[in-house]
N, C-alpha and C. Protein backbone atom coordinates (compact mmCIF):
# COMPACT_ATOMS: atom_id res chain seq x y z
N MET A 1 0.94 -1.42 -0.03
CA MET A 1 0.11 -0.07 -0.09
C MET A 1 0.92 1.41 -0.14
N LYS A 2 0.44 2.27 -0.85
CA LYS A 2 1.15 3.97 -0.91
C LYS A 2 0.73 4.13 0.35
N LYS A 3 1.80 5.47 0.75
CA LYS A 3 1.97 5.86 1.86
C LYS A 3 1.40 7.37 1.47
N LYS A 4 0.53 7.86 2.44
CA LYS A 4 -0.13 9.17 2.21
C LYS A 4 0.98 10.20 2.40
N LEU A 5 0.91 11.19 1.41
CA LEU A 5 1.46 12.51 1.99
C LEU A 5 1.29 13.33 3.35
N LYS A 6 -0.27 13.48 2.96
CA LYS A 6 -0.46 13.94 4.09
C LYS A 6 -1.90 14.11 3.97
N GLU A 7 -2.63 13.59 5.12
CA GLU A 7 -4.50 13.81 5.15
C GLU A 7 -5.11 14.86 5.01
N GLY A 8 -5.95 15.52 4.90
CA GLY A 8 -7.04 15.91 4.88
C GLY A 8 -7.57 16.37 3.93
N LYS A 9 -8.24 17.55 3.84
CA LYS A 9 -9.39 18.07 2.91
C LYS A 9 -8.47 18.32 1.44
N TYR A 10 -7.37 19.19 1.90
CA TYR A 10 -6.13 19.41 1.06
C TYR A 10 -4.93 18.97 1.54
N LYS A 11 -4.44 17.76 0.28
CA LYS A 11 -3.38 17.21 0.69
C LYS A 11 -2.48 17.65 -0.17
N MET A 12 -1.55 18.02 0.23
CA MET A 12 -0.01 18.16 -0.65
C MET A 12 1.38 18.64 0.23
N SER A 13 1.96 18.39 -0.79
CA SER A 13 3.32 18.49 -0.38
C SER A 13 3.66 19.67 -0.22
N MET A 14 4.84 19.92 0.48
CA MET A 14 5.18 21.32 0.95
C MET A 14 6.57 21.72 0.53
N PHE A 15 6.53 21.36 -0.40
CA PHE A 15 8.33 21.47 -0.94
C PHE A 15 8.20 22.39 -1.62
N MET A 16 9.23 23.41 -1.46
CA MET A 16 9.54 24.82 -1.93
C MET A 16 10.68 25.07 -2.18
N GLU A 17 10.98 26.03 -3.49
CA GLU A 17 12.56 26.09 -3.53
C GLU A 17 12.75 27.25 -3.68
N LYS A 18 13.75 28.10 -3.30
CA LYS A 18 14.11 29.43 -3.63
C LYS A 18 15.96 29.54 -3.68
N GLY A 19 16.50 30.31 -5.00
CA GLY A 19 17.11 30.48 -5.18
C GLY A 19 18.38 28.17 -5.02
N ASN A 20 18.97 28.23 -4.30
CA ASN A 20 19.60 27.32 -4.32
C ASN A 20 19.21 26.69 -2.79
N ILE A 21 18.38 27.06 -2.35
CA ILE A 21 17.87 26.69 -0.68
C ILE A 21 16.68 26.25 -0.89
N LYS A 22 16.72 24.41 -0.45
CA LYS A 22 15.49 23.98 -0.59
C LYS A 22 14.83 23.32 0.88
N TYR A 23 13.69 23.81 1.05
CA TYR A 23 12.55 23.28 1.95
C TYR A 23 12.21 21.98 1.82
N ASN A 24 12.49 20.94 2.66
CA ASN A 24 11.60 20.11 2.32
C ASN A 24 10.64 19.59 3.97
N PHE A 25 9.74 20.40 3.86
CA PHE A 25 8.69 20.28 4.90
C PHE A 25 8.28 19.28 5.28
N SER A 26 8.45 18.62 6.43
CA SER A 26 7.95 17.10 7.27
C SER A 26 7.53 17.03 8.61
N ASP A 27 8.30 18.00 9.29
CA ASP A 27 7.61 18.48 10.72
C ASP A 27 7.23 19.41 10.71
N PRO A 28 6.08 19.66 11.64
CA PRO A 28 4.82 20.82 11.54
C PRO A 28 5.48 22.04 12.48
N LEU A 29 5.84 21.14 13.23
CA LEU A 29 6.24 21.91 14.10
C LEU A 29 7.76 23.41 13.63
N GLU A 30 8.20 22.64 13.05
CA GLU A 30 9.96 23.16 12.53
C GLU A 30 9.20 23.97 11.37
N ASP A 31 8.15 23.43 10.89
CA ASP A 31 7.83 24.43 9.25
C ASP A 31 7.19 25.69 9.74
N LEU A 32 6.48 25.38 11.32
CA LEU A 32 6.13 26.54 11.62
C LEU A 32 7.18 27.84 12.29
N LYS A 33 8.19 27.02 12.60
CA LYS A 33 9.53 28.17 12.93
C LYS A 33 9.63 28.74 11.90
N ARG A 34 10.30 28.15 10.59
CA ARG A 34 10.51 28.41 9.83
C ARG A 34 9.84 29.42 8.81
N ILE A 35 8.30 29.11 9.17
CA ILE A 35 7.22 29.99 8.32
C ILE A 35 7.29 31.85 9.01
N ARG A 36 7.02 31.26 10.61
CA ARG A 36 7.55 32.61 11.14
C ARG A 36 8.93 33.31 11.19
N LYS A 37 9.61 32.68 11.07
CA LYS A 37 11.32 33.61 10.76
C LYS A 37 11.04 34.02 9.53
N THR A 38 10.69 33.48 8.33
CA THR A 38 10.75 33.75 6.85
C THR A 38 9.28 33.49 6.45
N LYS A 39 8.78 34.88 6.28
CA LYS A 39 7.50 34.93 6.05
C LYS A 39 7.25 34.96 4.34
N GLU A 40 8.24 34.81 3.37
CA GLU A 40 7.97 34.91 2.19
C GLU A 40 7.88 33.11 1.97
N LEU A 41 7.99 32.15 2.67
CA LEU A 41 8.04 30.92 2.43
C LEU A 41 6.75 31.05 2.32
N LYS A 42 5.79 31.75 2.85
CA LYS A 42 4.04 31.45 2.67
C LYS A 42 3.87 31.05 1.41
N LYS A 43 4.38 31.54 0.10
CA LYS A 43 3.93 31.54 -0.99
C LYS A 43 5.07 32.22 -1.72
N ILE A 44 5.99 31.85 -1.90
CA ILE A 44 6.92 32.41 -2.78
C ILE A 44 6.76 33.31 -3.88
N LYS A 45 6.01 32.41 -4.92
CA LYS A 45 4.98 33.04 -5.75
C LYS A 45 4.10 33.14 -6.27
N SER A 46 3.06 34.11 -5.60
CA SER A 46 1.69 34.55 -5.35
C SER A 46 1.25 35.12 -6.51
N ILE A 47 0.27 35.28 -6.46
CA ILE A 47 -0.79 35.73 -7.41
C ILE A 47 -0.16 37.39 -8.05
N HIS A 48 0.38 37.98 -6.58
CA HIS A 48 0.63 39.27 -6.53
C HIS A 48 1.65 39.81 -7.23
N ASN A 49 2.67 38.38 -7.52
CA ASN A 49 4.38 38.77 -7.82
C ASN A 49 4.48 38.21 -9.10
N ILE A 50 3.29 37.58 -9.51
CA ILE A 50 3.49 36.52 -10.93
C ILE A 50 4.86 36.85 -11.79
N TRP A 51 5.33 38.62 -11.62
CA TRP A 51 6.31 38.85 -12.40
C TRP A 51 7.58 38.34 -12.39
N LEU A 52 7.45 37.34 -10.87
CA LEU A 52 9.00 36.99 -10.56
C LEU A 52 9.20 35.48 -12.07
N LEU A 53 7.85 34.93 -12.31
CA LEU A 53 7.87 33.87 -13.53
C LEU A 53 8.42 34.16 -14.62
N THR A 54 9.11 33.39 -15.46
CA THR A 54 10.07 33.50 -16.69
C THR A 54 8.54 33.59 -17.47
N ASP A 55 8.87 33.63 -18.65
CA ASP A 55 8.09 33.53 -19.74
C ASP A 55 7.74 32.13 -20.29
N GLU A 56 8.41 31.25 -20.01
CA GLU A 56 8.52 29.55 -20.19
C GLU A 56 7.06 29.09 -19.20
N GLU A 57 7.19 29.87 -18.11
CA GLU A 57 6.40 29.22 -16.72
C GLU A 57 4.93 29.93 -17.00
N ILE A 58 5.09 31.28 -17.47
CA ILE A 58 4.01 31.70 -17.73
C ILE A 58 3.24 30.94 -18.99
N HIS A 59 3.75 30.36 -19.69
CA HIS A 59 3.25 29.59 -21.11
C HIS A 59 2.45 28.07 -20.31
N LYS A 60 3.57 27.91 -19.65
CA LYS A 60 3.54 26.19 -18.83
C LYS A 60 2.20 26.83 -17.88
N ILE A 61 2.21 27.80 -17.46
CA ILE A 61 0.18 28.09 -16.56
C ILE A 61 -0.52 27.71 -17.77
N ARG A 62 -0.52 28.85 -18.93
CA ARG A 62 -1.12 28.90 -19.36
C ARG A 62 -1.91 27.31 -20.41
N LEU A 63 -0.88 27.14 -20.87
CA LEU A 63 -1.23 25.15 -21.20
C LEU A 63 -2.33 24.49 -20.16
N LEU A 64 -1.34 24.46 -18.78
CA LEU A 64 -2.49 23.95 -17.80
C LEU A 64 -3.61 24.50 -17.44
N ASN A 65 -3.85 25.53 -17.81
CA ASN A 65 -5.10 26.14 -17.70
C ASN A 65 -6.33 25.90 -19.10
N VAL A 66 -5.19 25.47 -20.25
CA VAL A 66 -6.38 25.03 -21.54
C VAL A 66 -7.01 23.29 -21.02
N PHE A 67 -5.71 22.94 -20.47
CA PHE A 67 -5.52 21.43 -20.04
C PHE A 67 -7.10 21.22 -19.16
N LEU A 68 -7.28 22.01 -18.05
CA LEU A 68 -7.77 21.88 -17.04
C LEU A 68 -9.37 22.26 -17.69
N THR A 69 -9.43 23.31 -18.68
CA THR A 69 -10.99 23.66 -18.92
C THR A 69 -11.13 22.25 -19.87
N GLY A 70 -10.21 21.79 -20.39
CA GLY A 70 -10.57 20.04 -21.23
C GLY A 70 -11.30 19.38 -20.20
N PHE A 71 -10.75 19.40 -19.17
CA PHE A 71 -10.81 18.53 -17.95
C PHE A 71 -11.99 18.91 -17.52
N GLU A 72 -12.57 19.93 -16.89
CA GLU A 72 -13.93 19.95 -16.44
C GLU A 72 -15.22 19.82 -17.33
N LYS A 73 -14.71 19.98 -18.48
CA LYS A 73 -15.71 19.33 -19.44
C LYS A 73 -16.02 17.64 -19.21
N GLU A 74 -14.89 17.00 -19.29
CA GLU A 74 -14.88 15.63 -19.04
C GLU A 74 -15.41 15.36 -18.04
N LEU A 75 -15.13 15.83 -16.74
CA LEU A 75 -15.42 15.86 -15.59
C LEU A 75 -17.13 15.96 -15.67
N LYS A 76 -17.91 16.62 -15.90
CA LYS A 76 -18.82 16.91 -16.36
C LYS A 76 -19.52 16.02 -16.90
N THR A 77 -19.23 15.55 -17.95
CA THR A 77 -19.89 14.75 -18.68
C THR A 77 -19.68 12.97 -17.82
N ASN A 78 -18.66 12.97 -17.16
CA ASN A 78 -18.95 11.61 -16.42
C ASN A 78 -19.32 11.95 -15.18
N VAL A 79 -19.96 12.97 -14.66
CA VAL A 79 -20.54 13.17 -13.15
C VAL A 79 -22.26 13.06 -13.72
N VAL A 80 -22.59 13.58 -14.98
CA VAL A 80 -23.91 13.50 -15.22
C VAL A 80 -23.95 11.80 -15.83
N GLN A 81 -23.32 11.20 -16.12
CA GLN A 81 -23.62 9.99 -16.79
C GLN A 81 -23.53 9.11 -15.21
N VAL A 82 -22.62 9.21 -14.14
CA VAL A 82 -23.20 8.53 -12.79
C VAL A 82 -24.25 9.20 -12.67
N MET A 83 -24.62 10.22 -12.18
CA MET A 83 -26.23 10.84 -11.60
C MET A 83 -27.11 9.81 -12.55
N GLN A 84 -26.85 9.76 -13.42
CA GLN A 84 -28.01 9.11 -14.24
C GLN A 84 -27.82 7.51 -14.08
N ASN A 85 -27.07 6.92 -14.12
CA ASN A 85 -26.66 5.48 -13.86
C ASN A 85 -27.26 5.58 -12.32
N SER A 86 -27.15 6.04 -11.12
CA SER A 86 -27.62 5.94 -9.90
C SER A 86 -29.00 6.25 -10.17
N LYS A 87 -29.66 7.25 -10.68
CA LYS A 87 -31.01 7.25 -10.59
C LYS A 87 -31.85 5.98 -10.97
N GLU A 88 -30.85 5.64 -12.44
CA GLU A 88 -31.44 4.50 -12.75
C GLU A 88 -31.77 3.06 -11.72
N TYR A 89 -30.27 2.85 -10.74
CA TYR A 89 -30.48 2.06 -9.91
C TYR A 89 -31.39 2.30 -8.90
N CYS A 90 -32.16 3.53 -8.47
CA CYS A 90 -32.67 4.17 -7.44
C CYS A 90 -34.04 3.57 -7.99
N HIS A 91 -34.47 3.60 -9.31
CA HIS A 91 -35.86 3.09 -9.48
C HIS A 91 -36.15 1.94 -9.42
N ILE A 92 -34.98 0.98 -9.64
CA ILE A 92 -34.95 -0.73 -9.30
C ILE A 92 -34.85 -0.97 -7.99
N HIS A 93 -34.27 -0.47 -7.07
CA HIS A 93 -34.09 -0.18 -5.79
C HIS A 93 -34.84 0.93 -4.90
N LYS A 94 -36.47 0.91 -4.75
CA LYS A 94 -37.09 1.60 -4.29
C LYS A 94 -36.93 1.85 -2.89
N ASP A 95 -35.99 0.99 -2.28
CA ASP A 95 -35.94 2.04 -0.56
C ASP A 95 -34.44 3.23 -0.82
N LEU A 96 -34.08 3.37 -1.64
CA LEU A 96 -32.90 4.16 -1.95
C LEU A 96 -33.11 5.64 -2.79
N ILE A 97 -32.52 6.48 -2.37
CA ILE A 97 -33.01 7.75 -3.05
C ILE A 97 -31.43 8.40 -3.19
N PHE A 98 -31.22 9.12 -4.46
CA PHE A 98 -30.09 9.16 -4.67
C PHE A 98 -29.84 10.65 -3.94
N ASP A 99 -28.77 11.07 -3.39
CA ASP A 99 -28.06 12.22 -2.91
C ASP A 99 -27.31 13.11 -3.51
N GLU A 100 -25.97 12.11 -3.70
CA GLU A 100 -24.83 13.05 -4.49
C GLU A 100 -23.88 12.33 -4.88
N VAL A 101 -22.77 13.08 -5.90
CA VAL A 101 -21.89 12.70 -6.18
C VAL A 101 -20.70 13.46 -5.70
N GLU A 102 -19.91 12.67 -4.95
CA GLU A 102 -18.58 13.33 -4.37
C GLU A 102 -17.30 13.15 -5.64
N VAL A 103 -17.14 13.82 -6.03
CA VAL A 103 -15.90 14.05 -6.93
C VAL A 103 -14.57 14.53 -6.26
N THR A 104 -13.90 13.54 -6.27
CA THR A 104 -12.07 13.74 -5.77
C THR A 104 -10.75 13.77 -6.84
N ILE A 105 -10.80 15.21 -7.31
CA ILE A 105 -9.79 15.36 -8.34
C ILE A 105 -8.73 15.51 -7.55
N GLY A 106 -7.49 14.46 -7.77
CA GLY A 106 -5.91 14.54 -7.67
C GLY A 106 -5.12 15.49 -7.93
N PHE A 107 -3.99 15.85 -8.08
CA PHE A 107 -3.05 16.48 -8.67
C PHE A 107 -1.71 16.03 -8.18
N TYR A 108 -0.87 15.62 -8.86
CA TYR A 108 0.21 14.61 -8.80
C TYR A 108 1.34 14.96 -9.00
N LEU A 109 2.69 14.76 -8.63
CA LEU A 109 4.25 15.19 -9.12
C LEU A 109 4.27 14.65 -10.61
N ASP A 110 4.87 15.39 -11.23
CA ASP A 110 5.51 15.25 -12.69
C ASP A 110 6.22 13.81 -12.35
N LYS A 111 6.43 12.94 -13.28
CA LYS A 111 7.32 11.57 -12.58
C LYS A 111 9.01 12.17 -12.80
N ASN A 112 8.91 13.13 -13.35
CA ASN A 112 10.52 13.42 -14.32
C ASN A 112 10.61 14.59 -12.82
N ASP A 113 9.81 14.73 -11.75
CA ASP A 113 10.25 15.55 -10.84
C ASP A 113 11.08 14.82 -9.78
N PRO A 114 12.37 15.66 -9.38
CA PRO A 114 13.33 15.16 -8.67
C PRO A 114 12.75 14.80 -7.09
N GLU A 115 11.44 15.12 -6.82
CA GLU A 115 11.24 14.75 -5.48
C GLU A 115 9.94 13.21 -5.60
N TYR A 116 9.53 13.15 -6.77
CA TYR A 116 8.81 11.79 -7.16
C TYR A 116 9.46 10.88 -6.42
N LEU A 117 8.55 9.65 -5.99
CA LEU A 117 8.77 8.70 -5.22
C LEU A 117 8.28 7.60 -5.79
N GLU A 118 9.02 6.33 -6.14
CA GLU A 118 8.08 5.41 -6.81
C GLU A 118 6.81 4.87 -5.76
N ASP A 119 7.68 4.70 -4.82
CA ASP A 119 6.71 4.33 -2.98
C ASP A 119 5.72 5.09 -2.85
N MET A 120 5.51 6.31 -3.30
CA MET A 120 4.57 7.32 -2.90
C MET A 120 3.49 7.60 -3.55
N ASP A 121 2.58 8.46 -3.22
CA ASP A 121 1.31 8.89 -3.54
C ASP A 121 1.69 10.05 -4.52
N ASN A 122 2.40 10.56 -3.62
CA ASN A 122 3.01 12.02 -4.89
C ASN A 122 2.06 13.23 -4.65
N VAL A 123 1.02 13.02 -4.06
CA VAL A 123 0.16 14.19 -4.11
C VAL A 123 0.48 15.56 -3.72
N ILE A 124 0.27 16.40 -4.83
CA ILE A 124 0.20 17.63 -4.09
C ILE A 124 -0.98 18.29 -3.63
N LEU A 125 -1.94 17.69 -4.32
CA LEU A 125 -3.28 18.24 -3.94
C LEU A 125 -4.61 17.30 -4.09
N GLU A 126 -5.22 17.56 -3.53
CA GLU A 126 -6.73 16.96 -3.73
C GLU A 126 -8.01 17.74 -3.44
N ILE A 127 -8.88 17.90 -4.30
CA ILE A 127 -9.83 18.64 -4.27
C ILE A 127 -11.53 17.71 -3.76
N HIS A 128 -12.14 18.06 -3.37
CA HIS A 128 -13.37 17.38 -2.81
C HIS A 128 -14.74 18.64 -3.72
N ASP A 129 -15.14 17.68 -4.39
CA ASP A 129 -16.71 18.59 -4.74
C ASP A 129 -17.52 17.62 -4.93
N TYR A 130 -19.03 18.23 -4.23
CA TYR A 130 -20.40 17.59 -4.37
C TYR A 130 -20.72 18.34 -5.50
N PHE A 131 -21.83 17.42 -6.28
CA PHE A 131 -22.72 17.24 -7.10
C PHE A 131 -24.15 16.86 -6.98
N TYR A 132 -25.35 17.71 -6.94
CA TYR A 132 -26.38 16.95 -6.24
C TYR A 132 -27.28 16.78 -7.81
N ASP A 133 -27.27 17.80 -8.70
CA ASP A 133 -28.31 18.07 -10.15
C ASP A 133 -27.59 17.65 -11.41
N GLU A 134 -27.76 17.06 -11.98
CA GLU A 134 -27.75 17.46 -13.37
C GLU A 134 -26.82 18.62 -14.31
N THR A 135 -27.92 19.77 -13.39
CA THR A 135 -27.27 20.99 -14.04
C THR A 135 -26.49 22.09 -12.68
N TRP A 136 -25.49 22.72 -13.04
CA TRP A 136 -25.26 23.63 -12.31
C TRP A 136 -24.81 25.20 -12.84
N ASP A 137 -25.23 25.92 -12.12
CA ASP A 137 -24.58 27.36 -12.94
C ASP A 137 -23.35 27.91 -12.74
N TYR A 138 -22.63 27.53 -11.45
CA TYR A 138 -21.31 27.86 -10.83
C TYR A 138 -20.50 27.24 -10.82
N GLY A 139 -19.44 27.37 -11.21
CA GLY A 139 -18.26 26.27 -10.16
C GLY A 139 -17.87 25.84 -11.50
N ILE A 140 -17.70 24.29 -11.35
CA ILE A 140 -16.84 23.94 -12.89
C ILE A 140 -17.60 23.59 -14.18
N VAL A 141 -16.80 24.28 -14.86
CA VAL A 141 -17.73 24.18 -16.41
C VAL A 141 -19.33 24.87 -16.46
N ASP A 142 -18.99 26.41 -15.89
CA ASP A 142 -19.68 27.18 -16.06
C ASP A 142 -19.27 28.56 -17.01
N ASN A 143 -18.54 28.10 -17.34
CA ASN A 143 -18.12 28.97 -19.04
C ASN A 143 -18.19 30.46 -18.35
N ASN A 144 -17.97 30.69 -17.04
CA ASN A 144 -17.61 32.10 -16.58
C ASN A 144 -15.87 32.14 -16.36
N CYS A 145 -15.57 33.52 -16.32
CA CYS A 145 -13.70 33.70 -16.24
C CYS A 145 -13.93 33.95 -14.64
N HIS A 146 -12.85 33.23 -14.10
CA HIS A 146 -12.54 33.18 -12.63
C HIS A 146 -11.29 33.27 -12.34
N ASN A 147 -10.60 34.41 -12.99
CA ASN A 147 -9.50 35.07 -13.29
C ASN A 147 -9.48 36.07 -12.44
N VAL A 148 -8.84 36.06 -11.31
CA VAL A 148 -8.91 36.85 -10.23
C VAL A 148 -8.19 38.36 -10.66
N LEU A 149 -7.32 38.42 -11.56
CA LEU A 149 -6.26 38.97 -12.16
C LEU A 149 -7.11 40.02 -13.18
N VAL A 150 -8.09 39.71 -13.93
CA VAL A 150 -8.83 40.88 -14.44
C VAL A 150 -8.71 42.35 -14.44
N ASN A 151 -8.67 42.49 -13.26
CA ASN A 151 -8.76 43.99 -12.83
C ASN A 151 -7.49 44.75 -12.61
N LYS A 152 -6.89 43.57 -12.52
CA LYS A 152 -5.20 44.30 -12.40
C LYS A 152 -4.47 45.05 -13.47
N GLU A 153 -4.66 45.76 -13.54
CA GLU A 153 -3.75 46.81 -15.32
C GLU A 153 -2.44 46.47 -15.07
N GLY A 154 -2.63 45.92 -16.27
CA GLY A 154 -0.80 45.68 -16.66
C GLY A 154 0.16 44.52 -16.29
N HIS A 155 -0.97 43.49 -15.60
CA HIS A 155 -0.72 42.25 -15.18
C HIS A 155 -0.55 41.42 -16.07
N VAL A 156 0.52 40.53 -16.28
CA VAL A 156 0.56 39.61 -17.48
C VAL A 156 -0.47 38.45 -18.26
N MET A 157 -1.06 38.38 -16.88
CA MET A 157 -2.27 37.78 -17.35
C MET A 157 -4.11 37.76 -16.77
N GLU A 158 -3.89 39.47 -17.37
CA GLU A 158 -5.07 40.11 -16.93
C GLU A 158 -6.02 39.79 -17.97
N GLN A 159 -5.82 39.53 -19.12
CA GLN A 159 -6.72 39.48 -19.99
C GLN A 159 -6.90 37.66 -20.35
N ASP A 160 -6.28 36.56 -19.16
CA ASP A 160 -6.65 35.32 -19.65
C ASP A 160 -7.98 35.15 -18.87
N LYS A 161 -8.11 34.14 -19.45
CA LYS A 161 -10.12 33.17 -19.20
C LYS A 161 -9.21 32.26 -18.51
N HIS A 162 -9.56 32.05 -17.14
CA HIS A 162 -9.54 31.24 -16.20
C HIS A 162 -10.63 30.20 -16.00
N CYS A 163 -10.03 29.05 -16.04
CA CYS A 163 -11.48 27.95 -15.57
C CYS A 163 -11.50 27.84 -13.98
N ARG A 164 -12.59 27.58 -13.65
CA ARG A 164 -12.65 27.19 -12.20
C ARG A 164 -11.50 26.66 -11.28
N LEU A 165 -11.14 25.46 -12.18
CA LEU A 165 -10.32 24.58 -11.32
C LEU A 165 -8.62 25.35 -11.40
N MET A 166 -8.47 26.04 -12.47
CA MET A 166 -7.29 26.66 -12.03
C MET A 166 -6.86 27.97 -11.58
N HIS A 167 -8.51 28.61 -11.17
CA HIS A 167 -8.62 29.73 -10.21
C HIS A 167 -8.62 28.92 -8.87
N VAL A 168 -9.05 27.77 -8.08
CA VAL A 168 -8.92 27.17 -7.03
C VAL A 168 -7.57 26.95 -6.91
N LEU A 169 -6.63 26.22 -8.00
CA LEU A 169 -5.18 25.68 -7.85
C LEU A 169 -4.45 27.25 -6.91
N TYR A 170 -4.73 28.13 -7.67
CA TYR A 170 -3.69 29.27 -7.17
C TYR A 170 -4.49 30.68 -6.29
N ASP A 171 -5.63 30.22 -6.09
CA ASP A 171 -6.50 31.41 -5.14
C ASP A 171 -6.81 30.52 -4.02
N ASP A 172 -7.23 29.60 -3.95
CA ASP A 172 -8.30 28.88 -2.75
C ASP A 172 -7.08 28.08 -2.14
N THR A 173 -6.31 27.78 -2.23
CA THR A 173 -5.22 26.78 -1.76
C THR A 173 -3.68 27.36 -1.32
N ASN A 174 -3.02 26.94 -0.53
CA ASN A 174 -2.23 27.51 -0.36
C ASN A 174 -0.89 27.01 -1.43
N LEU A 175 -0.99 26.64 -2.36
CA LEU A 175 0.13 26.00 -2.99
C LEU A 175 0.74 27.61 -3.92
N SER A 176 2.01 27.62 -4.06
CA SER A 176 2.71 28.49 -4.83
C SER A 176 2.67 28.44 -6.22
N TRP A 177 3.28 29.19 -6.91
CA TRP A 177 3.11 28.84 -8.00
C TRP A 177 4.20 27.72 -8.89
N ASP A 178 5.06 27.97 -8.23
CA ASP A 178 6.68 26.64 -8.49
C ASP A 178 5.87 25.45 -8.15
N GLU A 179 4.84 25.35 -7.05
CA GLU A 179 4.67 23.92 -6.88
C GLU A 179 3.52 23.62 -7.85
N ILE A 180 2.69 24.56 -8.33
CA ILE A 180 1.61 24.11 -9.32
C ILE A 180 2.22 23.89 -10.62
N LEU A 181 3.04 24.45 -10.48
CA LEU A 181 4.05 24.06 -12.02
C LEU A 181 4.62 22.81 -12.08
N ARG A 182 4.50 22.13 -10.57
CA ARG A 182 5.31 20.54 -11.00
C ARG A 182 4.05 19.62 -10.81
N ILE A 183 3.00 19.73 -11.18
CA ILE A 183 1.61 18.93 -11.56
C ILE A 183 2.21 18.64 -12.54
N GLY A 184 2.10 17.28 -12.52
CA GLY A 184 2.46 16.15 -13.79
C GLY A 184 1.19 15.21 -13.89
N ALA A 185 0.12 14.94 -13.48
CA ALA A 185 -1.15 14.32 -13.82
C ALA A 185 -2.10 14.73 -12.76
N ILE A 186 -3.34 13.92 -13.43
CA ILE A 186 -4.84 14.54 -12.57
C ILE A 186 -5.75 13.65 -12.43
N THR A 187 -5.98 13.34 -11.61
CA THR A 187 -6.83 11.84 -11.70
C THR A 187 -8.55 12.61 -10.80
N MET A 188 -9.65 11.95 -11.47
CA MET A 188 -10.84 12.04 -10.96
C MET A 188 -11.15 10.66 -10.22
N GLU A 189 -11.85 11.03 -9.32
CA GLU A 189 -12.71 9.91 -8.97
C GLU A 189 -14.02 10.20 -8.15
N TYR A 190 -15.00 9.26 -8.12
CA TYR A 190 -16.03 9.10 -8.03
C TYR A 190 -17.03 8.69 -6.89
N GLN A 191 -17.59 9.08 -5.99
CA GLN A 191 -18.08 8.04 -5.41
C GLN A 191 -19.94 9.03 -4.77
N VAL A 192 -20.59 7.48 -5.19
CA VAL A 192 -22.43 8.04 -5.00
C VAL A 192 -22.88 7.69 -3.83
N LEU A 193 -23.39 8.96 -3.17
CA LEU A 193 -23.61 8.49 -2.02
C LEU A 193 -25.34 8.56 -2.11
N TYR A 194 -25.77 7.49 -1.30
CA TYR A 194 -27.81 7.27 -1.53
C TYR A 194 -27.97 7.85 -0.25
N LYS A 195 -29.07 7.42 0.02
CA LYS A 195 -30.17 7.75 1.01
C LYS A 195 -31.33 6.60 1.00
N THR A 196 -31.69 6.28 2.05
CA THR A 196 -32.79 5.26 2.50
C THR A 196 -33.98 6.02 2.78
N GLN A 197 -34.88 5.38 2.12
CA GLN A 197 -36.38 6.03 2.43
C GLN A 197 -36.95 6.14 4.18
N PHE A 198 -37.38 6.95 4.31
CA PHE A 198 -37.91 6.92 5.96
C PHE A 198 -38.77 6.28 6.10
N THR A 199 -38.83 5.48 6.93
CA THR A 199 -38.95 4.42 7.91
C THR A 199 -39.94 4.76 9.13
N LYS A 200 -41.31 4.62 8.60
CA LYS A 200 -42.29 4.69 9.88
C LYS A 200 -41.91 4.07 10.89
N ILE A 201 -41.66 4.50 12.14
CA ILE A 201 -41.94 3.78 13.16
C ILE A 201 -43.12 3.53 13.94
N PHE A 202 -43.81 4.45 14.34
CA PHE A 202 -45.09 4.03 15.17
C PHE A 202 -46.45 3.87 13.87
């Protein structure tokens, strides 16, 4: 069985680089001391100082956004199919009621990453989302622009249209741009939750 890097809603490897210094976070107490002592470790390259990224890195971020946009469409197609199958199952098993589909999206280190280990999960981040209906108007595949930089005049990505997952990576988690650029694989898992019909006691 593979080992987990870190448990919780967001699972991430807290490896960061700055210059020639590498910080491999493993002990929470030691991590806290480092963060308090060196505040910039919280986010080496945040959305507000993206100009530190090279043109090649910005290009990779844009390619990732394109990939995630297509990934979202595939995810929605799969979720809708899972919902339809689940409702058909409930039609046969009258004691069950469809509740929701829980989707786990995993982001993993690239196999060429120097920190990649064969006997580890190599999880950078896991996102959990829940879908109750076959239609939704906000979030994944809503065709809205989720770029928080659209009002940052002069920002290199102010004109980019970001999908929801791209937004989540850089704005809703503690991932640095360095960590986002280390993503080499993405997976999606589904779990269907059912309810039982109310049973009258008296």
